[in-house]
Protein backbone atom coordinates (compact mmCIF):
# COMPACT_ATOMS: atom_id res chain seq x y z
CA MET A 1 31.42 -22.84 -4.80
CA ALA A 2 29.93 -25.06 -2.10
CA SER A 3 30.62 -22.33 0.46
CA SER A 4 28.97 -19.76 -1.80
CA ARG A 5 25.86 -21.94 -2.10
CA SER A 6 25.80 -22.44 1.69
CA ILE A 7 25.97 -18.68 2.26
CA ARG A 8 23.13 -18.12 -0.21
CA THR A 9 21.03 -20.77 1.54
CA ILE A 10 21.65 -19.14 4.94
CA LEU A 11 20.63 -15.72 3.63
CA GLU A 12 17.55 -17.14 1.90
CA LYS A 13 16.44 -18.67 5.20
CA LEU A 14 16.99 -15.33 6.92
CA GLU A 15 14.93 -13.63 4.21
CA GLU A 16 12.16 -16.18 4.72
CA SER A 17 12.08 -15.56 8.47
CA LEU A 18 11.95 -11.80 7.92
CA ASN A 19 9.16 -12.21 5.37
CA ILE A 20 7.08 -14.16 7.89
CA ALA A 21 7.62 -11.46 10.51
CA CYS A 22 6.70 -8.71 8.02
CA GLU A 23 3.50 -10.53 7.08
CA GLN A 24 2.61 -10.72 10.77
CA LEU A 25 3.08 -6.97 11.16
CA SER A 26 1.30 -6.06 7.92
CA GLU A 27 -2.06 -6.81 9.54
CA GLU A 28 -3.65 -5.91 12.85
CA THR A 29 -2.07 -8.04 15.55
CA PRO A 30 -4.17 -9.72 18.29
CA SER A 31 -4.68 -7.72 21.45
CA ARG A 32 -2.41 -8.89 24.26
CA GLU A 33 -3.09 -7.45 27.68
CA ASN A 34 -0.14 -6.80 29.96
CA ALA A 35 -1.16 -5.94 33.50
CA GLU A 36 2.45 -5.17 34.44
CA PHE A 37 3.06 -2.80 31.52
CA ASP A 38 5.35 0.09 32.39
CA LYS A 39 5.57 2.89 29.82
CA ASP A 40 9.10 4.00 30.73
CA VAL A 41 10.43 0.43 30.73
CA PHE A 42 8.75 -0.21 27.37
CA TRP A 43 10.40 2.76 25.70
CA THR A 44 13.80 2.01 27.21
CA ASN A 45 13.61 -1.55 25.90
CA PHE A 46 12.14 -0.62 22.51
CA SER A 47 14.76 2.06 21.88
CA GLY A 48 17.49 -0.37 22.98
CA ALA A 49 16.16 -3.06 20.61
CA ALA A 50 16.16 -0.62 17.69
CA LYS A 51 19.78 0.32 18.46
CA LEU A 52 20.68 -3.37 18.59
CA VAL A 53 19.14 -3.93 15.15
CA SER A 54 21.17 -1.01 13.80
CA HIS A 55 24.36 -2.36 15.39
CA GLU A 56 23.92 -5.87 13.96
CA ALA A 57 23.03 -4.44 10.53
CA THR A 58 26.30 -2.48 10.56
CA LYS A 59 28.33 -5.62 11.38
CA PHE A 60 26.45 -7.52 8.67
CA CYS A 61 27.13 -4.85 6.04
CA LEU A 62 30.82 -4.60 6.93
CA ALA A 63 31.21 -8.35 6.61
CA PHE A 64 29.62 -8.51 3.16
CA GLY A 65 30.96 -5.19 1.90
CA LYS A 66 34.53 -6.30 1.24
CA GLU A 67 36.62 -9.26 0.12
CA PRO A 68 37.03 -11.89 1.30
CA LEU A 69 33.38 -12.62 2.01
CA PRO A 70 32.60 -14.34 5.32
CA SER A 71 32.70 -18.10 5.49
CA ALA A 72 29.48 -20.09 5.80
CA GLU A 73 30.06 -20.43 9.56
CA GLU A 74 30.64 -16.69 9.95
CA CYS A 75 27.61 -15.95 7.79
CA GLN A 76 25.43 -18.16 10.01
CA ILE A 77 26.60 -16.28 13.10
CA LEU A 78 25.83 -12.92 11.47
CA ALA A 79 22.40 -14.13 10.31
CA ASN A 80 21.60 -15.42 13.80
CA LYS A 81 22.54 -12.06 15.34
CA ILE A 82 20.33 -10.21 12.84
CA GLU A 83 17.44 -12.57 13.56
CA GLU A 84 17.89 -12.27 17.33
CA SER A 85 17.93 -8.46 17.21
CA CYS A 86 14.76 -8.39 15.10
CA LEU A 87 13.10 -10.86 17.46
CA ALA A 88 14.04 -8.61 20.39
CA LEU A 89 12.33 -5.66 18.67
CA LEU A 90 9.21 -7.73 18.02
CA THR A 91 9.12 -9.09 21.57
CA VAL A 92 9.13 -5.58 23.02
CA PHE A 93 6.47 -4.44 20.54
CA PHE A 94 4.17 -7.33 21.45
CA SER A 95 4.37 -6.28 25.10
CA LEU A 96 2.49 -3.06 24.21
CA PRO A 97 -1.21 -3.59 25.01
CA LYS A 98 -3.82 -2.14 22.65
CA SER A 99 -5.53 -0.76 25.75
CA LYS A 100 -2.81 1.92 25.72
CA GLY A 101 -4.32 3.17 22.47
CA ARG A 102 -5.12 1.66 19.09
CA THR A 103 -3.63 4.69 17.34
CA LEU A 104 -0.36 4.36 19.25
CA HIS A 105 -0.31 0.58 18.76
CA LYS A 106 -0.73 0.94 14.98
CA GLU A 107 2.02 3.56 14.78
CA ILE A 108 4.50 1.35 16.63
CA ARG A 109 3.47 -1.73 14.63
CA LEU A 110 4.11 0.07 11.34
CA TYR A 111 7.43 1.36 12.63
CA ALA A 112 8.56 -2.18 13.48
CA LEU A 113 7.39 -3.30 10.03
CA TYR A 114 9.45 -0.61 8.28
CA VAL A 115 12.56 -1.59 10.27
CA LEU A 116 12.17 -5.27 9.37
CA ARG A 117 11.59 -4.45 5.70
CA ALA A 118 14.78 -2.38 5.70
CA ILE A 119 16.69 -5.31 7.22
CA LYS A 120 15.20 -7.66 4.64
CA ASP A 121 16.34 -5.35 1.82
CA LEU A 122 19.86 -5.40 3.27
CA CYS A 123 19.79 -9.18 3.43
CA THR A 124 18.63 -9.39 -0.19
CA ALA A 125 21.40 -7.04 -1.32
CA ALA A 126 24.01 -9.17 0.46
CA LYS A 127 22.61 -12.38 -1.05
CA ASN A 128 22.79 -10.86 -4.54
CA GLN A 129 26.19 -9.23 -3.81
CA SER A 130 24.63 -5.92 -4.79
CA ARG A 131 26.48 -2.62 -4.54
CA ARG A 132 23.36 -1.18 -2.89
CA GLN A 133 24.37 -2.58 0.50
CA LEU A 134 25.65 0.76 1.77
CA GLN A 135 22.42 2.45 0.71
CA ASN A 136 20.43 -0.35 2.35
CA VAL A 137 22.27 -0.19 5.65
CA GLY A 138 21.87 3.59 5.61
CA ASN A 139 18.13 3.04 5.34
CA VAL A 140 18.28 0.70 8.35
CA TRP A 141 20.17 3.34 10.37
CA GLU A 142 17.61 5.99 9.42
CA LYS A 143 14.68 3.77 10.43
CA CYS A 144 16.30 2.76 13.71
CA GLU A 145 17.21 6.32 14.65
CA ALA A 146 13.58 7.36 14.04
CA VAL A 147 12.59 5.46 17.20
CA GLU A 148 13.37 8.64 19.14
CA ASN A 149 10.69 10.54 17.19
CA LEU A 150 7.87 8.06 17.75
CA PRO A 151 4.83 9.19 19.77
CA LYS A 152 5.26 8.01 23.34
CA ASP A 153 1.54 7.70 24.21
CA ASN A 154 -1.85 7.72 22.51
CA ARG A 155 -2.27 11.47 22.87
CA ASP A 156 0.96 12.11 20.96
CA ALA A 157 -0.03 9.52 18.33
CA VAL A 158 -3.41 11.16 17.73
CA LEU A 159 -1.84 14.62 17.59
CA ALA A 160 0.61 13.39 14.92
CA LEU A 161 -2.27 11.87 12.94
CA CYS A 162 -4.32 15.08 13.15
CA GLN A 163 -1.36 17.15 11.95
CA GLU A 164 -0.76 14.82 9.02
CA GLU A 165 -4.43 14.85 8.00
CA HIS A 166 -4.61 18.65 8.38
CA ASP A 167 -1.59 19.10 6.10
CA MET A 168 -3.06 16.82 3.42
CA VAL A 169 -6.41 18.64 3.50
CA GLN A 170 -4.49 21.93 3.29
CA ASP A 171 -2.67 20.66 0.17
CA ALA A 172 -5.94 19.64 -1.49
CA SER A 173 -7.54 22.98 -0.64
CA GLN A 174 -4.59 24.96 -2.01
CA GLU A 175 -4.41 22.94 -5.23
CA LEU A 176 -8.09 23.53 -5.93
CA LEU A 177 -7.74 27.26 -5.23
CA ASP A 178 -4.62 27.53 -7.42
CA ALA A 179 -6.34 25.71 -10.28
CA TYR A 180 -9.40 27.94 -9.99
CA GLU A 181 -7.46 31.22 -9.86
CA ASN A 182 -4.98 30.29 -12.60
CA GLU A 183 -7.22 28.43 -15.02
CA ASP A 184 -6.42 30.75 -17.93
CA GLU A 185 -2.69 30.40 -17.32
CA MET A 186 -2.63 26.62 -17.17
CA PRO A 187 -0.17 25.28 -19.80
CA ASP A 188 -1.26 22.93 -22.55
CA LEU A 189 -0.06 19.75 -20.83
CA GLU A 190 -1.33 16.19 -20.77
CA PHE A 191 -2.87 16.47 -17.29
CA SER A 192 -3.64 12.77 -17.06
CA LEU A 193 0.10 12.30 -16.56
CA VAL A 194 0.44 14.91 -13.81
CA THR A 195 0.19 13.80 -10.18
CA PRO A 196 -0.12 16.68 -7.67
CA ARG A 197 1.38 16.53 -4.17
CA ASN A 198 -1.58 14.79 -2.55
CA GLY A 199 -1.71 12.06 -5.20
CA ILE A 200 -4.81 13.22 -7.05
CA ARG A 201 -4.54 12.50 -10.76
CA ILE A 202 -6.21 15.36 -12.66
CA PRO A 203 -8.40 14.45 -15.65
CA PRO A 204 -7.23 15.79 -19.03
CA VAL A 205 -10.19 18.18 -19.64
CA ARG A 206 -9.21 21.63 -18.38
CA THR A 207 -12.11 24.07 -18.62
CA TRP A 208 -14.98 24.81 -16.25
CA THR A 209 -18.43 26.05 -17.20
CA ASP A 210 -19.95 29.07 -15.45
CA SER A 211 -22.11 26.80 -13.29
CA ASP A 212 -18.98 24.79 -12.39
CA ARG A 213 -17.20 27.93 -11.25
CA ASN A 214 -20.17 28.99 -9.14
CA VAL A 215 -20.28 25.70 -7.27
CA ILE A 216 -16.51 25.59 -6.72
CA LEU A 217 -16.53 28.54 -4.31
CA PRO A 218 -18.81 26.98 -1.64
CA CYS A 219 -17.02 23.67 -2.18
CA SER A 220 -13.74 25.39 -1.39
CA GLY A 221 -15.42 26.90 1.67
CA LEU A 222 -16.49 23.42 2.83
CA VAL A 223 -12.93 22.10 2.47
CA LYS A 224 -11.59 25.08 4.45
CA ALA A 225 -14.15 24.42 7.19
CA THR A 226 -13.02 20.79 7.34
CA LYS A 227 -9.42 21.91 7.66
CA ALA A 228 -10.41 24.28 10.47
CA CYS A 229 -12.24 21.47 12.29
CA ILE A 230 -9.09 19.35 12.32
CA LYS A 231 -6.87 22.27 13.33
CA LYS A 232 -9.13 23.26 16.22
CA THR A 233 -9.41 19.65 17.35
CA LEU A 234 -5.63 19.31 17.26
CA HIS A 235 -5.28 22.43 19.41
CA ALA A 236 -7.86 21.23 21.95
CA ILE A 237 -6.16 17.83 22.29
CA SER A 238 -2.77 19.52 22.61
CA GLU A 239 -4.09 21.75 25.40
CA ARG A 240 -6.22 19.31 27.40
CA GLY A 241 -5.90 15.80 25.93
CA ASP A 242 -5.00 12.93 28.25
CA GLY A 243 -3.22 9.84 26.96
CA ASN A 244 -3.18 7.87 30.19
CA ASP A 245 -6.59 6.81 31.55
CA GLU A 246 -8.75 4.26 29.75
CA ARG A 247 -11.71 6.55 28.94
CA SER A 248 -9.49 9.31 27.53
CA ILE A 249 -7.47 6.85 25.44
CA SER A 250 -10.68 5.42 23.95
CA GLU A 251 -12.01 8.89 23.14
CA LEU A 252 -8.77 9.84 21.41
CA ASP A 253 -8.98 6.68 19.30
CA GLY A 254 -12.53 7.67 18.35
CA ILE A 255 -11.27 11.07 17.22
CA ALA A 256 -8.50 9.39 15.23
CA GLU A 257 -10.98 7.15 13.39
CA ILE A 258 -12.96 10.18 12.21
CA VAL A 259 -9.94 12.33 11.35
CA ARG A 260 -8.14 9.49 9.58
CA SER A 261 -10.79 9.45 6.83
CA SER A 262 -10.88 13.24 6.38
CA SER A 263 -8.11 13.66 3.80
CA ALA A 264 -9.35 10.74 1.67
CA LEU A 265 -12.87 12.19 1.62
CA VAL A 266 -11.54 15.65 0.76
CA ASP A 267 -9.34 14.20 -2.00
CA ASP A 268 -12.35 12.47 -3.58
CA PHE A 269 -14.38 15.66 -3.19
CA VAL A 270 -11.73 17.85 -4.83
CA LEU A 271 -11.21 15.32 -7.62
CA SER A 272 -14.93 15.48 -8.44
CA LEU A 273 -14.56 19.24 -8.99
CA TYR A 274 -12.10 18.98 -11.88
CA PRO A 275 -13.69 19.19 -15.33
CA PRO A 276 -15.73 17.63 -16.67
CA VAL A 277 -17.78 18.18 -13.51
CA ASN A 278 -20.65 15.87 -12.62
CA HIS A 279 -22.68 18.02 -10.23
CA SER A 280 -24.56 15.08 -8.74
CA ALA A 281 -21.23 13.45 -7.87
CA VAL A 282 -20.05 16.74 -6.36
CA ARG A 283 -23.17 16.88 -4.18
CA HIS A 284 -22.64 13.29 -3.03
CA GLN A 285 -18.97 13.87 -2.17
CA ALA A 286 -19.85 17.14 -0.42
CA SER A 287 -22.39 15.31 1.75
CA LEU A 288 -19.72 12.81 2.84
CA VAL A 289 -17.28 15.60 3.77
CA ARG A 290 -20.04 17.46 5.62
CA THR A 291 -21.04 14.37 7.62
CA ASN A 292 -17.43 13.58 8.52
CA SER A 293 -16.73 17.13 9.72
CA LYS A 294 -19.93 17.38 11.76
CA ASP A 295 -19.25 13.99 13.32
CA LEU A 296 -15.86 15.29 14.40
CA LEU A 297 -17.40 18.39 15.98
CA THR A 298 -19.98 16.30 17.83
CA TYR A 299 -17.31 13.94 19.11
CA VAL A 300 -15.13 16.81 20.30
CA GLY A 301 -18.10 18.30 22.15
CA ASN A 302 -18.52 15.07 24.13
CA SER A 303 -14.84 14.39 24.82
CA HIS A 304 -12.77 14.78 27.97
CA PHE A 305 -10.72 17.62 26.46
CA PHE A 306 -13.78 19.74 25.66
CA SER A 307 -14.01 23.07 27.48
CA GLU A 308 -16.74 25.70 27.52
CA ALA A 309 -14.50 27.93 25.40
CA ASP A 310 -14.66 25.30 22.63
CA ALA A 311 -18.43 25.64 22.31
CA ALA A 312 -18.11 28.90 20.34
CA TRP A 313 -15.83 27.61 17.59
CA ILE A 314 -17.71 24.32 17.37
CA GLU A 315 -20.96 26.20 16.74
CA PHE A 316 -19.27 28.59 14.31
CA LEU A 317 -17.78 25.76 12.24
CA ARG A 318 -21.03 23.79 12.33
CA LYS A 319 -22.82 26.81 10.83
CA ALA A 320 -20.03 27.33 8.25
CA ILE A 321 -20.32 23.69 7.16
CA ASP A 322 -24.11 23.89 6.85
CA HIS A 323 -23.93 27.26 5.05
CA ASN A 324 -21.59 25.91 2.36
CA TRP A 325 -23.53 22.66 2.10
CA VAL A 326 -26.83 24.53 1.52
CA LYS A 327 -25.22 26.61 -1.23
CA ILE A 328 -23.76 23.51 -2.91
CA ASN A 329 -27.04 21.63 -2.64
CA ASP A 330 -29.12 24.52 -3.98
CA MET A 331 -26.81 25.14 -6.93
CA VAL A 332 -26.73 21.47 -7.90
CA LEU A 333 -30.50 21.16 -7.67
CA ALA A 334 -30.92 24.35 -9.72
CA ASP A 335 -28.68 22.92 -12.44
């Protein structure tokens, strides 16, 4: 019994250490410049640290997955190895300067956080002698293997963000269109309990008035224009974006800040269009989406990856945004 209590104490201390590390990573970490930073060395070391975490997690799971359980001394050794591997991962992460890109830095920080949370879950399962240990160690393996899919520079990180935001805006656009086209076929369900793919919770009232239906069409057009802005920006960055020099990295982070808010604004906008529709709220949400999209176009036009060929689609989308906005505004004011 004394040995059992000692093992539990060791694992509780390991949990506490992992909790502290997770809290550190849950918030923006201070900027640490590293004049000797080498991208290739960083990724070699970071990938190696992730593999080490996976290796130590496997040893830990094997030790606690069968009888007899390890002794207190063996448990302490295993806990130390887990802690050392996690510390190695954190040490490499903290060598990444924010000057290499805030978007990249955030992506790697969150990755490290997910790995440490997975390790903490494994530790908790072992402490409680849970049968979920195999599932937990599988989660650690999955997280650690994902290191190979991480963006390797700020350009790749911003491209991944743009793709994610584009897909979420696409989902919101399609859901609105499906609801509009199939309104008469919608089943008699309690819609307040239904959560669509993008997380929007639809209100229980299910019918639109004629004026609602009229305003939905230009609203859908505005959402499609927003989606096109992100898609075109993604393509331009993919073709000519640079993730290496300081000015280009900063510009890409500026793009990311604008794009990152796009899906949330579109979600709020689409949500305001479900009945009962408050047209003033629709106008307000439409103005936010319009401003966000036009800001993106302006930023692209002043960025290092802008080319003369981009001027045509930027102007076209700017006119499409304004055209739909004028129609929305006029209809709301008329109502």
